[in-house]
Amino acid sequence: MAAALEVRGVTKSIGRRKILDRVSFTVEEGEIFGFLGPNGAGKTTTIKIILGMLSADAGEIRIGGVDLRAHYEQAMRKIGGIVETPELYGYLTGYQNLKLYADLRGVPQTRIRQVVSLVRMTDRINEKVKNYSLGMKQRIGVALSILHSPQVLVLDEPTNGLDPAGIKELRDNLKYLAHTAGMSVLVSSHLLSEMQLMCDRVAIIDKGTVIGVKRLSELEDTGSTGQAELFCLEVADAAAAARCAIAVLGEQAVLSEGDGKVEVRVPRSEINALLSAVIAAGVPIYSFAPSGRSLEESFLEITGGGGDIA
């Protein structure tokens, strides 16, 4: 696959503090690429440099094959993005917000209809933005970012503040944009669980250094327990559910237990046996889902305390 975005050896310092140290990764056409790291790792700084909001001290960025430093305007036509919360006029409708931006960029109204369809807002586009949910505002923000038909879409922590329904909406839209519409998407997060559900590949950054780029299937296999993954089991009796998990999987499988939740490491092939044991013990199950642990915890397990996973 051809590279839609190339980041090579990007370095950035503020005063004597080095924020980024030779950051390198490549985003391919039509993929969702995760940029994964704890808060303060350098994700937002990297994204601001890619979007032309900051300049790098060293390194090279190519967007759709165009060098950002040498041909800034041409490169910027090939990329769109959101850093933090989309800026929208609440007293205008979603359509009016898009039209305002389209008029400034010389984008035809036919393109507005196309992006509204792409982000699946056709039924609500003529309502005022102040009445939108946060997830709907995020979708309009994505629509604004792709009005000029960029090759690459960049989103910095886009799930912040969204409820589970909003996160799923965003995830489904990004998958559609990448896998159906052919757009390349770079999305940052500090939550490994979100990356697992959304991305094709991820780059892991810590303390300003990319320590590995892997496909999600490889990332899941990195730990010492092979195919086992982290899940959170919400139940009426956490202690009883933990005993069931130990009986089925062994003591090492239970990572935490309390407040009605049990966090377990379990191979997918053993999920049915685990849930059957909990049900057989008469323990009501309220939910079972991939663990929402922050990267700060899972990161240490995956990398062995910050070592190279490549």
C-alpha atoms as a PDB file:
ATOM      1  CA  MET A   1       0.000   0.000   0.000  1.00  0.00           C
ATOM      2  CA  ALA A   2       1.171   3.558  -0.718  1.00  0.00           C
ATOM      3  CA  ALA A   3       2.000   5.913   2.146  1.00  0.00           C
ATOM      4  CA  ALA A   4      -0.519   8.700   2.741  1.00  0.00           C
ATOM      5  CA  LEU A   5       1.496  10.243   5.588  1.00  0.00           C
ATOM      6  CA  GLU A   6       5.198   9.842   6.356  1.00  0.00           C
ATOM      7  CA  VAL A   7       6.772  11.154   9.556  1.00  0.00           C
ATOM      8  CA  ARG A   8      10.548  10.762   9.593  1.00  0.00           C
ATOM      9  CA  GLY A   9      12.882  11.662  12.461  1.00  0.00           C
ATOM     10  CA  VAL A  10      10.774  14.515  13.824  1.00  0.00           C
ATOM     11  CA  THR A  11      12.429  16.218  16.793  1.00  0.00           C
ATOM     12  CA  LYS A  12      11.103  19.117  18.885  1.00  0.00           C
ATOM     13  CA  SER A  13      12.451  20.876  21.960  1.00  0.00           C
ATOM     14  CA  ILE A  14      11.009  23.663  24.087  1.00  0.00           C
ATOM     15  CA  GLY A  15      13.840  25.405  25.882  1.00  0.00           C
ATOM     16  CA  ARG A  16      16.138  22.681  27.172  1.00  0.00           C
ATOM     17  CA  ARG A  17      13.372  20.092  27.294  1.00  0.00           C
ATOM     18  CA  LYS A  18      13.191  17.642  24.386  1.00  0.00           C
ATOM     19  CA  ILE A  19       9.488  16.976  23.682  1.00  0.00           C
ATOM     20  CA  LEU A  20       9.954  14.700  20.640  1.00  0.00           C
ATOM     21  CA  ASP A  21      13.012  12.612  19.834  1.00  0.00           C
ATOM     22  CA  ARG A  22      13.266  11.359  16.207  1.00  0.00           C
ATOM     23  CA  VAL A  23       9.604  10.341  15.931  1.00  0.00           C
ATOM     24  CA  SER A  24       8.960   8.194  12.839  1.00  0.00           C
ATOM     25  CA  PHE A  25       5.959   6.296  11.476  1.00  0.00           C
ATOM     26  CA  THR A  26       3.992   5.859   8.232  1.00  0.00           C
ATOM     27  CA  VAL A  27       0.216   5.886   7.684  1.00  0.00           C
ATOM     28  CA  GLU A  28      -0.932   3.848   4.687  1.00  0.00           C
ATOM     29  CA  GLU A  29      -3.822   4.616   2.359  1.00  0.00           C
ATOM     30  CA  GLY A  30      -7.248   3.583   3.661  1.00  0.00           C
ATOM     31  CA  GLU A  31      -6.177   2.604   7.176  1.00  0.00           C
ATOM     32  CA  ILE A  32      -6.943   3.844  10.676  1.00  0.00           C
ATOM     33  CA  PHE A  33      -3.589   4.360  12.364  1.00  0.00           C
ATOM     34  CA  GLY A  34      -3.513   4.760  16.135  1.00  0.00           C
ATOM     35  CA  PHE A  35      -1.066   7.040  17.930  1.00  0.00           C
ATOM     36  CA  LEU A  36      -1.003   5.580  21.406  1.00  0.00           C
ATOM     37  CA  GLY A  37       0.654   6.904  24.534  1.00  0.00           C
ATOM     38  CA  PRO A  38       0.059   8.197  28.056  1.00  0.00           C
ATOM     39  CA  ASN A  39      -0.879  11.830  28.631  1.00  0.00           C
ATOM     40  CA  GLY A  40       2.200  14.004  28.123  1.00  0.00           C
ATOM     41  CA  ALA A  41       3.962  11.481  25.858  1.00  0.00           C
ATOM     42  CA  GLY A  42       4.119  13.875  22.891  1.00  0.00           C
ATOM     43  CA  LYS A  43       1.025  12.922  20.888  1.00  0.00           C
ATOM     44  CA  THR A  44      -0.523  16.395  20.599  1.00  0.00           C
ATOM     45  CA  THR A  45       2.818  18.050  19.816  1.00  0.00           C
ATOM     46  CA  THR A  46       3.392  15.558  16.988  1.00  0.00           C
ATOM     47  CA  ILE A  47      -0.117  16.131  15.617  1.00  0.00           C
ATOM     48  CA  LYS A  48       0.273  19.932  15.744  1.00  0.00           C
ATOM     49  CA  ILE A  49       3.497  19.612  13.749  1.00  0.00           C
ATOM     50  CA  ILE A  50       1.783  17.363  11.179  1.00  0.00           C
ATOM     51  CA  LEU A  51      -1.064  19.890  10.849  1.00  0.00           C
ATOM     52  CA  GLY A  52       1.363  22.790  10.421  1.00  0.00           C
ATOM     53  CA  MET A  53       0.458  24.409  13.740  1.00  0.00           C
ATOM     54  CA  LEU A  54       4.011  24.014  15.104  1.00  0.00           C
ATOM     55  CA  SER A  55       7.358  23.689  13.396  1.00  0.00           C
ATOM     56  CA  ALA A  56       9.768  20.814  14.027  1.00  0.00           C
ATOM     57  CA  ASP A  57      13.428  21.394  14.932  1.00  0.00           C
ATOM     58  CA  ALA A  58      14.428  18.521  12.654  1.00  0.00           C
ATOM     59  CA  GLY A  59      12.883  15.754  10.592  1.00  0.00           C
ATOM     60  CA  GLU A  60      10.625  15.425   7.581  1.00  0.00           C
ATOM     61  CA  ILE A  61       6.862  15.126   7.064  1.00  0.00           C
ATOM     62  CA  ARG A  62       5.343  14.148   3.716  1.00  0.00           C
ATOM     63  CA  ILE A  63       1.575  14.285   3.157  1.00  0.00           C
ATOM     64  CA  GLY A  64       0.427  12.447   0.060  1.00  0.00           C
ATOM     65  CA  GLY A  65       4.043  12.512  -1.092  1.00  0.00           C
ATOM     66  CA  VAL A  66       4.361  16.299  -0.644  1.00  0.00           C
ATOM     67  CA  ASP A  67       7.047  17.679   1.676  1.00  0.00           C
ATOM     68  CA  LEU A  68       5.371  19.824   4.349  1.00  0.00           C
ATOM     69  CA  ARG A  69       8.327  22.152   4.878  1.00  0.00           C
ATOM     70  CA  ALA A  70       9.111  22.735   1.199  1.00  0.00           C
ATOM     71  CA  HIS A  71       5.537  22.939  -0.136  1.00  0.00           C
ATOM     72  CA  TYR A  72       3.401  23.946   2.849  1.00  0.00           C
ATOM     73  CA  GLU A  73       0.200  25.057   1.076  1.00  0.00           C
ATOM     74  CA  GLN A  74       0.151  22.084  -1.282  1.00  0.00           C
ATOM     75  CA  ALA A  75       0.671  19.675   1.615  1.00  0.00           C
ATOM     76  CA  MET A  76      -2.054  21.347   3.705  1.00  0.00           C
ATOM     77  CA  ARG A  77      -4.595  20.794   0.921  1.00  0.00           C
ATOM     78  CA  LYS A  78      -4.083  17.071   1.416  1.00  0.00           C
ATOM     79  CA  ILE A  79      -4.821  16.975   5.163  1.00  0.00           C
ATOM     80  CA  GLY A  80      -7.596  17.894   7.602  1.00  0.00           C
ATOM     81  CA  GLY A  81      -7.789  17.577  11.352  1.00  0.00           C
ATOM     82  CA  ILE A  82      -9.233  18.400  14.753  1.00  0.00           C
ATOM     83  CA  VAL A  83      -7.112  19.199  17.800  1.00  0.00           C
ATOM     84  CA  GLU A  84      -9.239  19.125  20.961  1.00  0.00           C
ATOM     85  CA  THR A  85     -12.932  20.171  20.592  1.00  0.00           C
ATOM     86  CA  PRO A  86     -14.410  21.240  17.219  1.00  0.00           C
ATOM     87  CA  GLU A  87     -15.182  24.979  17.125  1.00  0.00           C
ATOM     88  CA  LEU A  88     -18.801  25.385  15.974  1.00  0.00           C
ATOM     89  CA  TYR A  89     -21.413  28.154  16.075  1.00  0.00           C
ATOM     90  CA  GLY A  90     -24.193  26.864  18.319  1.00  0.00           C
ATOM     91  CA  TYR A  91     -26.822  29.317  17.069  1.00  0.00           C
ATOM     92  CA  LEU A  92     -26.370  28.070  13.480  1.00  0.00           C
ATOM     93  CA  THR A  93     -27.501  24.746  12.054  1.00  0.00           C
ATOM     94  CA  GLY A  94     -25.039  22.045  11.185  1.00  0.00           C
ATOM     95  CA  TYR A  95     -25.532  22.846   7.513  1.00  0.00           C
ATOM     96  CA  GLN A  96     -24.945  26.558   8.064  1.00  0.00           C
ATOM     97  CA  ASN A  97     -21.700  25.831   9.900  1.00  0.00           C
ATOM     98  CA  LEU A  98     -20.517  23.720   6.993  1.00  0.00           C
ATOM     99  CA  LYS A  99     -21.631  26.268   4.393  1.00  0.00           C
ATOM    100  CA  LEU A 100     -19.789  29.070   6.180  1.00  0.00           C
ATOM    101  CA  TYR A 101     -16.557  27.107   6.010  1.00  0.00           C
ATOM    102  CA  ALA A 102     -17.233  25.914   2.458  1.00  0.00           C
ATOM    103  CA  ASP A 103     -17.708  29.499   1.247  1.00  0.00           C
ATOM    104  CA  LEU A 104     -14.379  30.507   2.792  1.00  0.00           C
ATOM    105  CA  ARG A 105     -12.596  27.601   1.104  1.00  0.00           C
ATOM    106  CA  GLY A 106     -14.436  27.844  -2.222  1.00  0.00           C
ATOM    107  CA  VAL A 107     -15.973  24.391  -1.764  1.00  0.00           C
ATOM    108  CA  PRO A 108     -19.155  23.726  -3.822  1.00  0.00           C
ATOM    109  CA  GLN A 109     -22.456  22.934  -2.065  1.00  0.00           C
ATOM    110  CA  THR A 110     -22.508  19.513  -3.705  1.00  0.00           C
ATOM    111  CA  ARG A 111     -19.493  18.639  -1.544  1.00  0.00           C
ATOM    112  CA  ILE A 112     -21.404  19.690   1.601  1.00  0.00           C
ATOM    113  CA  ARG A 113     -24.088  17.121   0.801  1.00  0.00           C
ATOM    114  CA  GLN A 114     -21.422  14.492   0.234  1.00  0.00           C
ATOM    115  CA  VAL A 115     -19.680  15.004   3.586  1.00  0.00           C
ATOM    116  CA  VAL A 116     -22.991  15.168   5.449  1.00  0.00           C
ATOM    117  CA  SER A 117     -23.779  11.749   4.007  1.00  0.00           C
ATOM    118  CA  LEU A 118     -20.282  10.445   4.815  1.00  0.00           C
ATOM    119  CA  VAL A 119     -20.635  11.345   8.511  1.00  0.00           C
ATOM    120  CA  ARG A 120     -24.252  10.147   8.529  1.00  0.00           C
ATOM    121  CA  MET A 121     -25.868  13.421   9.612  1.00  0.00           C
ATOM    122  CA  THR A 122     -28.394  13.825   6.778  1.00  0.00           C
ATOM    123  CA  ASP A 123     -31.440  13.561   9.059  1.00  0.00           C
ATOM    124  CA  ARG A 124     -30.199  16.144  11.605  1.00  0.00           C
ATOM    125  CA  ILE A 125     -28.116  18.551   9.530  1.00  0.00           C
ATOM    126  CA  ASN A 126     -30.737  21.365   9.548  1.00  0.00           C
ATOM    127  CA  GLU A 127     -31.034  21.462  13.349  1.00  0.00           C
ATOM    128  CA  LYS A 128     -29.143  24.035  15.435  1.00  0.00           C
ATOM    129  CA  VAL A 129     -25.785  22.859  16.718  1.00  0.00           C
ATOM    130  CA  LYS A 130     -26.669  23.873  20.300  1.00  0.00           C
ATOM    131  CA  ASN A 131     -29.208  21.029  20.285  1.00  0.00           C
ATOM    132  CA  TYR A 132     -26.679  18.409  19.144  1.00  0.00           C
ATOM    133  CA  SER A 133     -25.140  15.810  21.414  1.00  0.00           C
ATOM    134  CA  LEU A 134     -21.358  15.900  21.842  1.00  0.00           C
ATOM    135  CA  GLY A 135     -21.093  12.925  19.500  1.00  0.00           C
ATOM    136  CA  MET A 136     -23.069  14.762  16.801  1.00  0.00           C
ATOM    137  CA  LYS A 137     -20.865  17.847  17.211  1.00  0.00           C
ATOM    138  CA  GLN A 138     -17.844  15.604  16.767  1.00  0.00           C
ATOM    139  CA  ARG A 139     -19.327  14.278  13.520  1.00  0.00           C
ATOM    140  CA  ILE A 140     -19.856  17.841  12.237  1.00  0.00           C
ATOM    141  CA  GLY A 141     -16.255  18.568  13.207  1.00  0.00           C
ATOM    142  CA  VAL A 142     -15.122  15.609  11.103  1.00  0.00           C
ATOM    143  CA  ALA A 143     -17.314  16.880   8.244  1.00  0.00           C
ATOM    144  CA  LEU A 144     -15.605  20.300   8.448  1.00  0.00           C
ATOM    145  CA  SER A 145     -12.204  18.622   8.367  1.00  0.00           C
ATOM    146  CA  ILE A 146     -12.939  16.654   5.187  1.00  0.00           C
ATOM    147  CA  LEU A 147     -14.863  19.322   3.226  1.00  0.00           C
ATOM    148  CA  HIS A 148     -11.811  20.070   1.076  1.00  0.00           C
ATOM    149  CA  SER A 149     -11.421  16.343   0.204  1.00  0.00           C
ATOM    150  CA  PRO A 150      -8.159  15.674   2.058  1.00  0.00           C
ATOM    151  CA  GLN A 151      -6.235  12.451   1.682  1.00  0.00           C
ATOM    152  CA  VAL A 152      -5.502  12.276   5.424  1.00  0.00           C
ATOM    153  CA  LEU A 153      -7.706  13.000   8.465  1.00  0.00           C
ATOM    154  CA  VAL A 154      -5.997  13.617  11.833  1.00  0.00           C
ATOM    155  CA  LEU A 155      -7.901  13.531  15.151  1.00  0.00           C
ATOM    156  CA  ASP A 156      -6.355  14.211  18.564  1.00  0.00           C
ATOM    157  CA  GLU A 157      -8.073  12.294  21.422  1.00  0.00           C
ATOM    158  CA  PRO A 158     -11.476  12.453  19.641  1.00  0.00           C
ATOM    159  CA  THR A 159     -13.299  10.266  22.193  1.00  0.00           C
ATOM    160  CA  ASN A 160     -12.662  12.640  25.133  1.00  0.00           C
ATOM    161  CA  GLY A 161     -15.968  13.581  26.759  1.00  0.00           C
ATOM    162  CA  LEU A 162     -18.062  11.230  24.622  1.00  0.00           C
ATOM    163  CA  ASP A 163     -20.454   8.729  26.194  1.00  0.00           C
ATOM    164  CA  PRO A 164     -20.297   5.070  25.022  1.00  0.00           C
ATOM    165  CA  ALA A 165     -22.909   5.683  22.303  1.00  0.00           C
ATOM    166  CA  GLY A 166     -20.965   8.688  21.003  1.00  0.00           C
ATOM    167  CA  ILE A 167     -17.704   6.731  20.998  1.00  0.00           C
ATOM    168  CA  LYS A 168     -19.321   3.945  18.974  1.00  0.00           C
ATOM    169  CA  GLU A 169     -20.767   6.490  16.518  1.00  0.00           C
ATOM    170  CA  LEU A 170     -17.350   8.047  16.009  1.00  0.00           C
ATOM    171  CA  ARG A 171     -15.660   4.668  15.685  1.00  0.00           C
ATOM    172  CA  ASP A 172     -18.157   3.485  13.065  1.00  0.00           C
ATOM    173  CA  ASN A 173     -17.775   6.718  11.075  1.00  0.00           C
ATOM    174  CA  LEU A 174     -13.985   6.532  11.057  1.00  0.00           C
ATOM    175  CA  LYS A 175     -14.101   2.916   9.910  1.00  0.00           C
ATOM    176  CA  TYR A 176     -16.447   3.918   7.102  1.00  0.00           C
ATOM    177  CA  LEU A 177     -14.242   6.833   6.040  1.00  0.00           C
ATOM    178  CA  ALA A 178     -11.111   4.669   5.993  1.00  0.00           C
ATOM    179  CA  HIS A 179     -12.291   1.276   4.818  1.00  0.00           C
ATOM    180  CA  THR A 180     -15.101   2.366   2.461  1.00  0.00           C
ATOM    181  CA  ALA A 181     -14.286   5.923   1.374  1.00  0.00           C
ATOM    182  CA  GLY A 182     -10.521   5.219   1.237  1.00  0.00           C
ATOM    183  CA  MET A 183      -9.389   8.063   3.512  1.00  0.00           C
ATOM    184  CA  SER A 184      -6.359   7.594   5.762  1.00  0.00           C
ATOM    185  CA  VAL A 185      -7.032   8.365   9.432  1.00  0.00           C
ATOM    186  CA  LEU A 186      -4.523   9.133  12.182  1.00  0.00           C
ATOM    187  CA  VAL A 187      -6.147   9.102  15.620  1.00  0.00           C
ATOM    188  CA  SER A 188      -4.456   9.587  18.987  1.00  0.00           C
ATOM    189  CA  SER A 189      -5.551   8.177  22.330  1.00  0.00           C
ATOM    190  CA  HIS A 190      -4.238   7.150  25.742  1.00  0.00           C
ATOM    191  CA  LEU A 191      -6.712   4.234  25.942  1.00  0.00           C
ATOM    192  CA  LEU A 192      -5.528   0.910  24.581  1.00  0.00           C
ATOM    193  CA  SER A 193      -9.083  -0.461  24.675  1.00  0.00           C
ATOM    194  CA  GLU A 194     -10.246   2.183  22.170  1.00  0.00           C
ATOM    195  CA  MET A 195      -7.330   1.499  19.848  1.00  0.00           C
ATOM    196  CA  GLN A 196      -8.148  -2.214  19.856  1.00  0.00           C
ATOM    197  CA  LEU A 197     -11.683  -1.535  18.637  1.00  0.00           C
ATOM    198  CA  MET A 198     -10.817   1.133  16.074  1.00  0.00           C
ATOM    199  CA  CYS A 199      -7.360   0.846  14.528  1.00  0.00           C
ATOM    200  CA  ASP A 200      -5.551  -1.318  12.000  1.00  0.00           C
ATOM    201  CA  ARG A 201      -2.075  -0.464  13.327  1.00  0.00           C
ATOM    202  CA  VAL A 202      -0.686   1.586  16.203  1.00  0.00           C
ATOM    203  CA  ALA A 203       2.483   3.486  17.018  1.00  0.00           C
ATOM    204  CA  ILE A 204       3.295   3.547  20.734  1.00  0.00           C
ATOM    205  CA  ILE A 205       4.945   6.737  21.979  1.00  0.00           C
ATOM    206  CA  ASP A 206       6.374   7.324  25.447  1.00  0.00           C
ATOM    207  CA  LYS A 207       8.437  10.271  26.693  1.00  0.00           C
ATOM    208  CA  GLY A 208       8.632  11.682  23.168  1.00  0.00           C
ATOM    209  CA  THR A 209       9.978   8.510  21.552  1.00  0.00           C
ATOM    210  CA  VAL A 210       8.137   5.999  19.356  1.00  0.00           C
ATOM    211  CA  ILE A 211       9.058   2.617  20.840  1.00  0.00           C
ATOM    212  CA  GLY A 212       7.125   0.410  18.462  1.00  0.00           C
ATOM    213  CA  VAL A 213       4.714   0.234  15.509  1.00  0.00           C
ATOM    214  CA  LYS A 214       2.531  -2.852  15.362  1.00  0.00           C
ATOM    215  CA  ARG A 215      -0.666  -4.300  13.979  1.00  0.00           C
ATOM    216  CA  LEU A 216      -3.294  -4.824  16.670  1.00  0.00           C
ATOM    217  CA  SER A 217      -3.070  -8.599  16.318  1.00  0.00           C
ATOM    218  CA  GLU A 218       0.667  -8.419  17.074  1.00  0.00           C
ATOM    219  CA  LEU A 219       0.083  -6.057  19.990  1.00  0.00           C
ATOM    220  CA  GLU A 220      -2.377  -8.480  21.565  1.00  0.00           C
ATOM    221  CA  ASP A 221       0.184 -11.290  21.315  1.00  0.00           C
ATOM    222  CA  THR A 222       3.038  -9.329  22.897  1.00  0.00           C
ATOM    223  CA  GLY A 223       2.337 -10.213  26.535  1.00  0.00           C
ATOM    224  CA  SER A 224       3.619 -13.295  28.276  1.00  0.00           C
ATOM    225  CA  THR A 225       0.149 -14.834  28.377  1.00  0.00           C
ATOM    226  CA  GLY A 226      -0.087 -15.241  24.602  1.00  0.00           C
ATOM    227  CA  GLN A 227      -3.545 -14.633  23.163  1.00  0.00           C
ATOM    228  CA  ALA A 228      -5.092 -13.562  26.488  1.00  0.00           C
ATOM    229  CA  GLU A 229      -6.812 -10.174  26.532  1.00  0.00           C
ATOM    230  CA  LEU A 230      -8.078  -7.876  29.269  1.00  0.00           C
ATOM    231  CA  PHE A 231     -11.821  -7.836  29.983  1.00  0.00           C
ATOM    232  CA  CYS A 232     -13.972  -6.226  32.653  1.00  0.00           C
ATOM    233  CA  LEU A 233     -16.818  -8.301  34.112  1.00  0.00           C
ATOM    234  CA  GLU A 234     -19.536  -6.294  35.899  1.00  0.00           C
ATOM    235  CA  VAL A 235     -21.539  -8.544  38.229  1.00  0.00           C
ATOM    236  CA  ALA A 236     -23.752  -8.629  41.293  1.00  0.00           C
ATOM    237  CA  ASP A 237     -21.105 -10.443  43.368  1.00  0.00           C
ATOM    238  CA  ALA A 238     -17.511  -9.652  42.366  1.00  0.00           C
ATOM    239  CA  ALA A 239     -15.939 -12.001  44.902  1.00  0.00           C
ATOM    240  CA  ALA A 240     -17.979 -14.967  43.658  1.00  0.00           C
ATOM    241  CA  ALA A 241     -17.206 -14.135  40.027  1.00  0.00           C
ATOM    242  CA  ALA A 242     -13.495 -13.884  40.848  1.00  0.00           C
ATOM    243  CA  ARG A 243     -13.602 -17.373  42.409  1.00  0.00           C
ATOM    244  CA  CYS A 244     -15.193 -18.687  39.209  1.00  0.00           C
ATOM    245  CA  ALA A 245     -12.497 -17.052  37.102  1.00  0.00           C
ATOM    246  CA  ILE A 246      -9.765 -18.587  39.259  1.00  0.00           C
ATOM    247  CA  ALA A 247     -11.381 -22.010  38.988  1.00  0.00           C
ATOM    248  CA  VAL A 248     -11.556 -21.790  35.191  1.00  0.00           C
ATOM    249  CA  LEU A 249      -8.397 -19.825  34.351  1.00  0.00           C
ATOM    250  CA  GLY A 250      -6.113 -19.923  37.370  1.00  0.00           C
ATOM    251  CA  GLU A 251      -5.193 -17.298  39.979  1.00  0.00           C
ATOM    252  CA  GLN A 252      -3.005 -15.301  37.577  1.00  0.00           C
ATOM    253  CA  ALA A 253      -6.076 -14.482  35.427  1.00  0.00           C
ATOM    254  CA  VAL A 254      -7.728 -12.183  38.003  1.00  0.00           C
ATOM    255  CA  LEU A 255      -6.056  -8.766  37.948  1.00  0.00           C
ATOM    256  CA  SER A 256      -8.463  -6.883  40.205  1.00  0.00           C
ATOM    257  CA  GLU A 257     -11.746  -7.405  42.008  1.00  0.00           C
ATOM    258  CA  GLY A 258     -14.094  -5.040  43.841  1.00  0.00           C
ATOM    259  CA  ASP A 259     -16.976  -2.556  43.538  1.00  0.00           C
ATOM    260  CA  GLY A 260     -18.989  -5.042  41.479  1.00  0.00           C
ATOM    261  CA  LYS A 261     -16.264  -5.481  38.849  1.00  0.00           C
ATOM    262  CA  VAL A 262     -13.696  -8.159  38.096  1.00  0.00           C
ATOM    263  CA  GLU A 263     -10.861  -7.502  35.667  1.00  0.00           C
ATOM    264  CA  VAL A 264      -9.582 -10.677  34.070  1.00  0.00           C
ATOM    265  CA  ARG A 265      -7.020 -11.718  31.503  1.00  0.00           C
ATOM    266  CA  VAL A 266      -8.655 -14.400  29.386  1.00  0.00           C
ATOM    267  CA  PRO A 267      -8.042 -15.964  25.947  1.00  0.00           C
ATOM    268  CA  ARG A 268     -11.041 -15.500  23.644  1.00  0.00           C
ATOM    269  CA  SER A 269     -11.320 -19.274  23.374  1.00  0.00           C
ATOM    270  CA  GLU A 270     -12.038 -19.420  27.127  1.00  0.00           C
ATOM    271  CA  ILE A 271     -14.590 -16.610  27.375  1.00  0.00           C
ATOM    272  CA  ASN A 272     -17.566 -18.937  26.990  1.00  0.00           C
ATOM    273  CA  ALA A 273     -16.253 -21.240  29.741  1.00  0.00           C
ATOM    274  CA  LEU A 274     -15.714 -18.283  32.084  1.00  0.00           C
ATOM    275  CA  LEU A 275     -19.172 -16.810  31.569  1.00  0.00           C
ATOM    276  CA  SER A 276     -20.824 -20.229  31.816  1.00  0.00           C
ATOM    277  CA  ALA A 277     -19.103 -20.804  35.171  1.00  0.00           C
ATOM    278  CA  VAL A 278     -20.270 -17.445  36.533  1.00  0.00           C
ATOM    279  CA  ILE A 279     -23.843 -18.087  35.383  1.00  0.00           C
ATOM    280  CA  ALA A 280     -23.779 -21.617  36.827  1.00  0.00           C
ATOM    281  CA  ALA A 281     -22.733 -20.125  40.183  1.00  0.00           C
ATOM    282  CA  GLY A 282     -25.906 -18.014  40.139  1.00  0.00           C
ATOM    283  CA  VAL A 283     -24.089 -14.686  39.810  1.00  0.00           C
ATOM    284  CA  PRO A 284     -26.018 -12.133  37.697  1.00  0.00           C
ATOM    285  CA  ILE A 285     -23.853 -10.608  34.920  1.00  0.00           C
ATOM    286  CA  TYR A 286     -24.518  -6.959  34.010  1.00  0.00           C
ATOM    287  CA  SER A 287     -21.825  -6.483  31.379  1.00  0.00           C
ATOM    288  CA  PHE A 288     -18.726  -8.074  29.884  1.00  0.00           C
ATOM    289  CA  ALA A 289     -16.476  -5.902  27.722  1.00  0.00           C
ATOM    290  CA  PRO A 290     -12.832  -5.167  26.862  1.00  0.00           C
ATOM    291  CA  SER A 291     -11.155  -3.525  29.821  1.00  0.00           C
ATOM    292  CA  GLY A 292     -11.158   0.269  29.909  1.00  0.00           C
ATOM    293  CA  ARG A 293      -7.817   0.400  31.714  1.00  0.00           C
ATOM    294  CA  SER A 294      -5.708   3.408  30.843  1.00  0.00           C
ATOM    295  CA  LEU A 295      -2.565   2.963  28.792  1.00  0.00           C
ATOM    296  CA  GLU A 296      -0.462   3.970  31.779  1.00  0.00           C
ATOM    297  CA  GLU A 297      -1.300   0.523  33.254  1.00  0.00           C
ATOM    298  CA  SER A 298      -1.497  -1.653  30.144  1.00  0.00           C
ATOM    299  CA  PHE A 299       1.528   0.062  28.600  1.00  0.00           C
ATOM    300  CA  LEU A 300       3.837  -1.341  31.294  1.00  0.00           C
ATOM    301  CA  GLU A 301       2.589  -4.874  30.680  1.00  0.00           C
ATOM    302  CA  ILE A 302       2.969  -4.649  26.893  1.00  0.00           C
ATOM    303  CA  THR A 303       6.425  -3.048  26.874  1.00  0.00           C
ATOM    304  CA  GLY A 304       7.903  -4.653  29.975  1.00  0.00           C
ATOM    305  CA  GLY A 305       8.210  -1.310  31.730  1.00  0.00           C
ATOM    306  CA  GLY A 306       8.974   0.832  28.721  1.00  0.00           C
ATOM    307  CA  GLY A 307      11.343  -1.358  26.727  1.00  0.00           C
ATOM    308  CA  ASP A 308      11.330  -1.727  22.953  1.00  0.00           C
ATOM    309  CA  ILE A 309       8.548  -3.972  21.649  1.00  0.00           C
ATOM    310  CA  ALA A 310       9.630  -3.882  18.007  1.00  0.00           C
END
